Each structure stands twice: as structure tokens, then as C-alpha cells.
């Protein structure tokens, strides 16, 4: 005779992560292009990233919570993996992505900017600040997540280390947790690919902030 034991949702989620099992259900499409948008070539193939502010990249992910999900966008420096800025939103409008871009400019500006071809990143008002600064614009190939591999790794670390164990009840709780996590990620979490240094060890963040406030 089979015995069925009660198991709570968090335990099921943890076991599914350990076994590499994922539920099959429709997920938000975060890279839907705008009709007739201008496509820029992918500029990072074979490129050696040699210094901070050489390449910045951005991406959007969705954050599951108890009552639904929110959208999270981040801007990262590729050389150091330093998270320059991030924003949360309950909609996919361009505004929160533009706010993250403007916040990242406090640290300077990149030589190359890379994103996917989502409508937020191909909108004219989003691209305008990059063009005004003479930044080269690069866009991932369609369906090629590895073209933006470092920020994809950030999302994986974030979700497995914070989001999935957290099961957040509301946006304020999530915001506070993200604020703490990104500080930990930048200043305390060593990266094997960086010779076990932190992103803050390689990105001149204090210098950039001082210059931008003068």
C-alpha cells in the first residue's frame, strides 16, 4: 500500500533544482523585438575584453514571487563583472531599462554596449543616449543567449543563491534582498574567472563616482 506524505512547496522546489527538473509552463518572452527596429551587428565575437568600460551589457529577467513576478534589468561591465546598476519593474516598458542605463553612466561610459534585440533596447529613446556619447552598439543574434554569457551567468547565480530559496512575498522585500545581494556580488563574492578576486577589485568604481560628482 502506497503512503503519500505531505511535502511543502519549498521542499519540492529545492528537490527540482537539485535534480535539474523544471516545470513546463508559459514564461514571459523578454526579448520580443519591436516591428521594424534597426538591427545592429554583434561586435563581441572573438573580441578580447582588456579593460574596465571596454564592454557593458544589459539584459532583463523575470523574478518569480508568491503572487506573480517582477522584471529585473541590470547593466554589467564585462571585464570585471561589476554590476553597475539595476532596476525593478512590474511592466516591460522601456522606462526602467532607460533608468538603469542612466544610473550606469555615473561610472563613466563603455566603448561598446551590448544587448539583445528586445523592444526595450531597440527603442529610439533608449538608444539615443548611447548614440549621443558615441558608444558602439552591439546586439546579440536572435536566439543566441550565449552572446551575452556573463550576464546570463549573473542571472543563474542570482536565482539559485537568492530568488529560489527566498520565495519573496512582495516587491519591497525583494528590492531590499536584491540591494544586499548585488552589494555582496560586487564586493564580497570572489569569481574563479577573475582569479578569485571580486568585481570591485577590478572595476575603478570609487574613481568613477568621484569624477562624476565633481
C-alpha atoms as a PDB file:
ATOM      1  CA  UNK A   1       0.000   0.000   0.000  1.00  0.00           C
ATOM      2  CA  UNK A   2       1.440   3.351  -1.047  1.00  0.00           C
ATOM      3  CA  UNK A   3       1.794   6.044   1.616  1.00  0.00           C
ATOM      4  CA  UNK A   4       1.570   9.676   0.494  1.00  0.00           C
ATOM      5  CA  UNK A   5       3.377  12.140   2.745  1.00  0.00           C
ATOM      6  CA  UNK A   6       2.674  15.865   2.812  1.00  0.00           C
ATOM      7  CA  UNK A   7       5.547  17.892   1.332  1.00  0.00           C
ATOM      8  CA  UNK A   8       5.588  21.673   1.227  1.00  0.00           C
ATOM      9  CA  UNK A   9       6.205  23.719  -1.926  1.00  0.00           C
ATOM     10  CA  UNK A  10       9.674  24.965  -0.928  1.00  0.00           C
ATOM     11  CA  UNK A  11      10.937  21.390  -0.494  1.00  0.00           C
ATOM     12  CA  UNK A  12       9.581  20.428  -3.926  1.00  0.00           C
ATOM     13  CA  UNK A  13      11.257  23.484  -5.472  1.00  0.00           C
ATOM     14  CA  UNK A  14      14.581  22.612  -3.813  1.00  0.00           C
ATOM     15  CA  UNK A  15      14.455  18.982  -4.948  1.00  0.00           C
ATOM     16  CA  UNK A  16      13.565  20.025  -8.503  1.00  0.00           C
ATOM     17  CA  UNK A  17      16.588  22.364  -8.601  1.00  0.00           C
ATOM     18  CA  UNK A  18      18.915  19.627  -7.324  1.00  0.00           C
ATOM     19  CA  UNK A  19      17.621  17.185  -9.971  1.00  0.00           C
ATOM     20  CA  UNK A  20      17.650  19.766 -12.753  1.00  0.00           C
ATOM     21  CA  UNK A  21      13.876  19.485 -13.268  1.00  0.00           C
ATOM     22  CA  UNK A  22      11.860  22.489 -14.410  1.00  0.00           C
ATOM     23  CA  UNK A  23       8.091  22.810 -14.667  1.00  0.00           C
ATOM     24  CA  UNK A  24       6.708  23.235 -18.173  1.00  0.00           C
ATOM     25  CA  UNK A  25       4.559  26.368 -18.361  1.00  0.00           C
ATOM     26  CA  UNK A  26       4.412  29.526 -20.485  1.00  0.00           C
ATOM     27  CA  UNK A  27       7.021  32.084 -19.461  1.00  0.00           C
ATOM     28  CA  UNK A  28       7.286  35.768 -20.337  1.00  0.00           C
ATOM     29  CA  UNK A  29       9.036  36.458 -23.635  1.00  0.00           C
ATOM     30  CA  UNK A  30      11.583  39.088 -22.636  1.00  0.00           C
ATOM     31  CA  UNK A  31      13.312  39.571 -25.999  1.00  0.00           C
ATOM     32  CA  UNK A  32      10.439  40.355 -28.325  1.00  0.00           C
ATOM     33  CA  UNK A  33      11.698  42.829 -30.974  1.00  0.00           C
ATOM     34  CA  UNK A  34       9.792  45.927 -31.981  1.00  0.00           C
ATOM     35  CA  UNK A  35       8.410  45.845 -35.544  1.00  0.00           C
ATOM     36  CA  UNK A  36      10.862  47.396 -37.998  1.00  0.00           C
ATOM     37  CA  UNK A  37      13.548  48.093 -35.424  1.00  0.00           C
ATOM     38  CA  UNK A  38      17.099  48.793 -36.529  1.00  0.00           C
ATOM     39  CA  UNK A  39      19.351  45.751 -36.114  1.00  0.00           C
ATOM     40  CA  UNK A  40      22.957  46.300 -35.078  1.00  0.00           C
ATOM     41  CA  UNK A  41      25.699  43.719 -35.685  1.00  0.00           C
ATOM     42  CA  UNK A  42      27.135  41.634 -32.867  1.00  0.00           C
ATOM     43  CA  UNK A  43      30.564  43.145 -32.161  1.00  0.00           C
ATOM     44  CA  UNK A  44      31.905  40.855 -29.425  1.00  0.00           C
ATOM     45  CA  UNK A  45      32.665  37.683 -31.369  1.00  0.00           C
ATOM     46  CA  UNK A  46      36.392  36.975 -30.981  1.00  0.00           C
ATOM     47  CA  UNK A  47      36.934  40.242 -29.093  1.00  0.00           C
ATOM     48  CA  UNK A  48      39.385  40.215 -26.185  1.00  0.00           C
ATOM     49  CA  UNK A  49      37.969  42.286 -23.333  1.00  0.00           C
ATOM     50  CA  UNK A  50      41.047  44.010 -21.933  1.00  0.00           C
ATOM     51  CA  UNK A  51      39.915  46.730 -19.510  1.00  0.00           C
ATOM     52  CA  UNK A  52      37.025  48.137 -17.500  1.00  0.00           C
ATOM     53  CA  UNK A  53      34.478  50.096 -19.553  1.00  0.00           C
ATOM     54  CA  UNK A  54      35.528  48.284 -22.701  1.00  0.00           C
ATOM     55  CA  UNK A  55      32.153  46.499 -22.937  1.00  0.00           C
ATOM     56  CA  UNK A  56      28.951  46.942 -20.972  1.00  0.00           C
ATOM     57  CA  UNK A  57      25.984  44.641 -21.408  1.00  0.00           C
ATOM     58  CA  UNK A  58      22.392  44.524 -20.250  1.00  0.00           C
ATOM     59  CA  UNK A  59      19.560  42.035 -20.016  1.00  0.00           C
ATOM     60  CA  UNK A  60      16.123  41.558 -18.476  1.00  0.00           C
ATOM     61  CA  UNK A  61      14.994  38.598 -16.419  1.00  0.00           C
ATOM     62  CA  UNK A  62      11.794  37.878 -14.555  1.00  0.00           C
ATOM     63  CA  UNK A  63      11.735  37.252 -10.821  1.00  0.00           C
ATOM     64  CA  UNK A  64       9.067  34.813  -9.573  1.00  0.00           C
ATOM     65  CA  UNK A  65       7.356  35.671  -6.294  1.00  0.00           C
ATOM     66  CA  UNK A  66       4.477  34.270  -4.286  1.00  0.00           C
ATOM     67  CA  UNK A  67       1.898  36.407  -6.089  1.00  0.00           C
ATOM     68  CA  UNK A  68       3.344  36.617  -9.601  1.00  0.00           C
ATOM     69  CA  UNK A  69       6.616  38.094 -10.854  1.00  0.00           C
ATOM     70  CA  UNK A  70       8.513  41.326 -11.449  1.00  0.00           C
ATOM     71  CA  UNK A  71      11.003  42.240 -14.173  1.00  0.00           C
ATOM     72  CA  UNK A  72      14.639  42.955 -13.338  1.00  0.00           C
ATOM     73  CA  UNK A  73      17.135  44.683 -15.618  1.00  0.00           C
ATOM     74  CA  UNK A  74      20.857  45.023 -14.890  1.00  0.00           C
ATOM     75  CA  UNK A  75      23.869  46.661 -16.533  1.00  0.00           C
ATOM     76  CA  UNK A  76      27.217  44.890 -16.185  1.00  0.00           C
ATOM     77  CA  UNK A  77      30.832  45.698 -17.030  1.00  0.00           C
ATOM     78  CA  UNK A  78      32.142  42.635 -18.897  1.00  0.00           C
ATOM     79  CA  UNK A  79      35.798  42.894 -17.885  1.00  0.00           C
ATOM     80  CA  UNK A  80      35.173  42.981 -14.137  1.00  0.00           C
ATOM     81  CA  UNK A  81      31.620  41.527 -13.971  1.00  0.00           C
ATOM     82  CA  UNK A  82      30.762  44.575 -11.845  1.00  0.00           C
ATOM     83  CA  UNK A  83      27.005  45.230 -11.727  1.00  0.00           C
ATOM     84  CA  UNK A  84      26.808  48.948 -12.493  1.00  0.00           C
ATOM     85  CA  UNK A  85      23.071  49.395 -11.987  1.00  0.00           C
ATOM     86  CA  UNK A  86      19.755  47.566 -11.799  1.00  0.00           C
ATOM     87  CA  UNK A  87      16.049  48.368 -11.755  1.00  0.00           C
ATOM     88  CA  UNK A  88      12.820  46.525 -10.941  1.00  0.00           C
ATOM     89  CA  UNK A  89       9.505  46.988 -12.766  1.00  0.00           C
ATOM     90  CA  UNK A  90       6.061  45.441 -12.954  1.00  0.00           C
ATOM     91  CA  UNK A  91       5.831  46.236 -16.681  1.00  0.00           C
ATOM     92  CA  UNK A  92       8.045  45.719 -19.723  1.00  0.00           C
ATOM     93  CA  UNK A  93       8.020  49.363 -20.769  1.00  0.00           C
ATOM     94  CA  UNK A  94      11.309  50.986 -21.806  1.00  0.00           C
ATOM     95  CA  UNK A  95      11.438  53.394 -18.862  1.00  0.00           C
ATOM     96  CA  UNK A  96      13.018  51.104 -16.273  1.00  0.00           C
ATOM     97  CA  UNK A  97      15.714  49.995 -18.727  1.00  0.00           C
ATOM     98  CA  UNK A  98      16.496  53.622 -19.554  1.00  0.00           C
ATOM     99  CA  UNK A  99      16.699  54.412 -15.825  1.00  0.00           C
ATOM    100  CA  UNK A 100      19.256  51.615 -15.380  1.00  0.00           C
ATOM    101  CA  UNK A 101      21.293  52.947 -18.315  1.00  0.00           C
ATOM    102  CA  UNK A 102      21.314  56.488 -16.937  1.00  0.00           C
ATOM    103  CA  UNK A 103      22.320  55.194 -13.499  1.00  0.00           C
ATOM    104  CA  UNK A 104      25.204  53.228 -15.037  1.00  0.00           C
ATOM    105  CA  UNK A 105      26.544  56.398 -16.683  1.00  0.00           C
ATOM    106  CA  UNK A 106      27.532  57.599 -13.174  1.00  0.00           C
ATOM    107  CA  UNK A 107      30.515  55.285 -13.574  1.00  0.00           C
ATOM    108  CA  UNK A 108      31.594  56.588 -16.975  1.00  0.00           C
ATOM    109  CA  UNK A 109      30.656  55.057 -20.309  1.00  0.00           C
ATOM    110  CA  UNK A 110      31.562  51.960 -22.342  1.00  0.00           C
ATOM    111  CA  UNK A 111      33.297  51.745 -25.684  1.00  0.00           C
ATOM    112  CA  UNK A 112      30.794  49.033 -26.742  1.00  0.00           C
ATOM    113  CA  UNK A 113      27.252  48.472 -25.499  1.00  0.00           C
ATOM    114  CA  UNK A 114      25.709  45.020 -25.967  1.00  0.00           C
ATOM    115  CA  UNK A 115      22.092  43.879 -25.562  1.00  0.00           C
ATOM    116  CA  UNK A 116      19.589  41.546 -27.137  1.00  0.00           C
ATOM    117  CA  UNK A 117      17.115  42.724 -29.780  1.00  0.00           C
ATOM    118  CA  UNK A 118      14.229  43.224 -27.342  1.00  0.00           C
ATOM    119  CA  UNK A 119      11.899  46.154 -27.932  1.00  0.00           C
ATOM    120  CA  UNK A 120      13.154  47.947 -24.815  1.00  0.00           C
ATOM    121  CA  UNK A 121      16.749  48.036 -26.054  1.00  0.00           C
ATOM    122  CA  UNK A 122      15.958  48.882 -29.688  1.00  0.00           C
ATOM    123  CA  UNK A 123      13.631  51.788 -28.852  1.00  0.00           C
ATOM    124  CA  UNK A 124      14.822  55.123 -30.216  1.00  0.00           C
ATOM    125  CA  UNK A 125      14.667  56.860 -26.827  1.00  0.00           C
ATOM    126  CA  UNK A 126      16.770  54.112 -25.264  1.00  0.00           C
ATOM    127  CA  UNK A 127      19.454  54.190 -27.955  1.00  0.00           C
ATOM    128  CA  UNK A 128      19.645  57.998 -28.085  1.00  0.00           C
ATOM    129  CA  UNK A 129      21.927  58.446 -25.003  1.00  0.00           C
ATOM    130  CA  UNK A 130      24.336  55.819 -26.387  1.00  0.00           C
ATOM    131  CA  UNK A 131      24.481  57.467 -29.805  1.00  0.00           C
ATOM    132  CA  UNK A 132      24.975  60.897 -28.248  1.00  0.00           C
ATOM    133  CA  UNK A 133      28.021  59.585 -26.386  1.00  0.00           C
ATOM    134  CA  UNK A 134      29.475  57.864 -29.456  1.00  0.00           C
ATOM    135  CA  UNK A 135      29.153  54.378 -27.948  1.00  0.00           C
ATOM    136  CA  UNK A 136      29.324  51.482 -30.430  1.00  0.00           C
ATOM    137  CA  UNK A 137      26.100  49.449 -30.285  1.00  0.00           C
ATOM    138  CA  UNK A 138      26.182  45.652 -30.455  1.00  0.00           C
ATOM    139  CA  UNK A 139      23.208  43.278 -30.410  1.00  0.00           C
ATOM    140  CA  UNK A 140      23.007  39.531 -29.820  1.00  0.00           C
ATOM    141  CA  UNK A 141      21.963  37.229 -32.632  1.00  0.00           C
ATOM    142  CA  UNK A 142      18.368  36.040 -32.420  1.00  0.00           C
ATOM    143  CA  UNK A 143      18.044  33.103 -30.050  1.00  0.00           C
ATOM    144  CA  UNK A 144      21.726  33.208 -29.032  1.00  0.00           C
ATOM    145  CA  UNK A 145      21.729  33.572 -25.237  1.00  0.00           C
ATOM    146  CA  UNK A 146      25.464  32.830 -25.066  1.00  0.00           C
ATOM    147  CA  UNK A 147      26.175  36.075 -26.917  1.00  0.00           C
ATOM    148  CA  UNK A 148      25.549  37.757 -23.538  1.00  0.00           C
ATOM    149  CA  UNK A 149      27.018  34.950 -21.470  1.00  0.00           C
ATOM    150  CA  UNK A 150      28.313  36.873 -18.448  1.00  0.00           C
ATOM    151  CA  UNK A 151      25.008  38.463 -17.566  1.00  0.00           C
ATOM    152  CA  UNK A 152      23.285  35.116 -18.145  1.00  0.00           C
ATOM    153  CA  UNK A 153      25.645  33.678 -15.524  1.00  0.00           C
ATOM    154  CA  UNK A 154      24.699  36.545 -13.207  1.00  0.00           C
ATOM    155  CA  UNK A 155      21.016  35.629 -13.545  1.00  0.00           C
ATOM    156  CA  UNK A 156      21.771  31.990 -12.802  1.00  0.00           C
ATOM    157  CA  UNK A 157      23.756  32.866  -9.671  1.00  0.00           C
ATOM    158  CA  UNK A 158      21.131  35.337  -8.510  1.00  0.00           C
ATOM    159  CA  UNK A 159      18.243  32.919  -8.886  1.00  0.00           C
ATOM    160  CA  UNK A 160      19.918  29.891  -7.336  1.00  0.00           C
ATOM    161  CA  UNK A 161      21.547  31.816  -4.477  1.00  0.00           C
ATOM    162  CA  UNK A 162      18.750  34.266  -3.639  1.00  0.00           C
ATOM    163  CA  UNK A 163      15.475  34.096  -5.549  1.00  0.00           C
ATOM    164  CA  UNK A 164      14.567  30.408  -5.426  1.00  0.00           C
ATOM    165  CA  UNK A 165      15.425  29.946  -1.736  1.00  0.00           C
ATOM    166  CA  UNK A 166      13.773  33.281  -0.865  1.00  0.00           C
ATOM    167  CA  UNK A 167      10.186  32.884  -2.132  1.00  0.00           C
ATOM    168  CA  UNK A 168       9.538  36.628  -1.701  1.00  0.00           C
ATOM    169  CA  UNK A 169       6.100  37.882  -0.744  1.00  0.00           C
ATOM    170  CA  UNK A 170       6.219  41.420  -2.176  1.00  0.00           C
ATOM    171  CA  UNK A 171       8.279  43.908  -4.167  1.00  0.00           C
ATOM    172  CA  UNK A 172       9.679  45.773  -1.163  1.00  0.00           C
ATOM    173  CA  UNK A 173      11.022  42.590   0.374  1.00  0.00           C
ATOM    174  CA  UNK A 174      12.530  41.637  -2.986  1.00  0.00           C
ATOM    175  CA  UNK A 175      14.067  45.093  -3.527  1.00  0.00           C
ATOM    176  CA  UNK A 176      15.868  45.001  -0.178  1.00  0.00           C
ATOM    177  CA  UNK A 177      17.156  41.485  -0.836  1.00  0.00           C
ATOM    178  CA  UNK A 178      18.423  42.462  -4.306  1.00  0.00           C
ATOM    179  CA  UNK A 179      20.164  45.521  -2.916  1.00  0.00           C
ATOM    180  CA  UNK A 180      22.031  43.347  -0.417  1.00  0.00           C
ATOM    181  CA  UNK A 181      22.771  40.648  -2.992  1.00  0.00           C
ATOM    182  CA  UNK A 182      24.289  42.969  -5.599  1.00  0.00           C
ATOM    183  CA  UNK A 183      26.484  44.585  -2.939  1.00  0.00           C
ATOM    184  CA  UNK A 184      27.631  41.099  -1.932  1.00  0.00           C
ATOM    185  CA  UNK A 185      28.144  40.138  -5.592  1.00  0.00           C
ATOM    186  CA  UNK A 186      30.254  43.224  -6.366  1.00  0.00           C
ATOM    187  CA  UNK A 187      32.307  43.491  -3.182  1.00  0.00           C
ATOM    188  CA  UNK A 188      32.474  40.129  -1.428  1.00  0.00           C
ATOM    189  CA  UNK A 189      31.844  37.281  -3.877  1.00  0.00           C
ATOM    190  CA  UNK A 190      35.131  36.067  -5.456  1.00  0.00           C
ATOM    191  CA  UNK A 191      34.968  34.804  -9.042  1.00  0.00           C
ATOM    192  CA  UNK A 192      37.111  31.934 -10.237  1.00  0.00           C
ATOM    193  CA  UNK A 193      37.356  33.522 -13.708  1.00  0.00           C
ATOM    194  CA  UNK A 194      38.728  36.690 -12.085  1.00  0.00           C
ATOM    195  CA  UNK A 195      41.479  34.844 -10.240  1.00  0.00           C
ATOM    196  CA  UNK A 196      39.254  34.653  -7.140  1.00  0.00           C
ATOM    197  CA  UNK A 197      39.016  38.430  -6.955  1.00  0.00           C
ATOM    198  CA  UNK A 198      35.767  40.354  -6.648  1.00  0.00           C
ATOM    199  CA  UNK A 199      34.308  42.571  -9.394  1.00  0.00           C
ATOM    200  CA  UNK A 200      35.054  45.617  -7.228  1.00  0.00           C
ATOM    201  CA  UNK A 201      38.748  44.639  -7.177  1.00  0.00           C
ATOM    202  CA  UNK A 202      38.873  45.119 -10.961  1.00  0.00           C
ATOM    203  CA  UNK A 203      36.435  47.948 -11.590  1.00  0.00           C
ATOM    204  CA  UNK A 204      37.553  51.510 -10.631  1.00  0.00           C
ATOM    205  CA  UNK A 205      34.156  52.329  -9.120  1.00  0.00           C
ATOM    206  CA  UNK A 206      35.358  54.793  -6.479  1.00  0.00           C
ATOM    207  CA  UNK A 207      37.332  56.783  -9.047  1.00  0.00           C
ATOM    208  CA  UNK A 208      34.381  56.933 -11.456  1.00  0.00           C
ATOM    209  CA  UNK A 209      31.961  58.058  -8.781  1.00  0.00           C
ATOM    210  CA  UNK A 210      34.327  60.798  -7.611  1.00  0.00           C
ATOM    211  CA  UNK A 211      34.748  62.126 -11.145  1.00  0.00           C
ATOM    212  CA  UNK A 212      31.010  62.117 -11.879  1.00  0.00           C
ATOM    213  CA  UNK A 213      30.226  64.148  -8.742  1.00  0.00           C
ATOM    214  CA  UNK A 214      32.844  66.838  -9.346  1.00  0.00           C
END
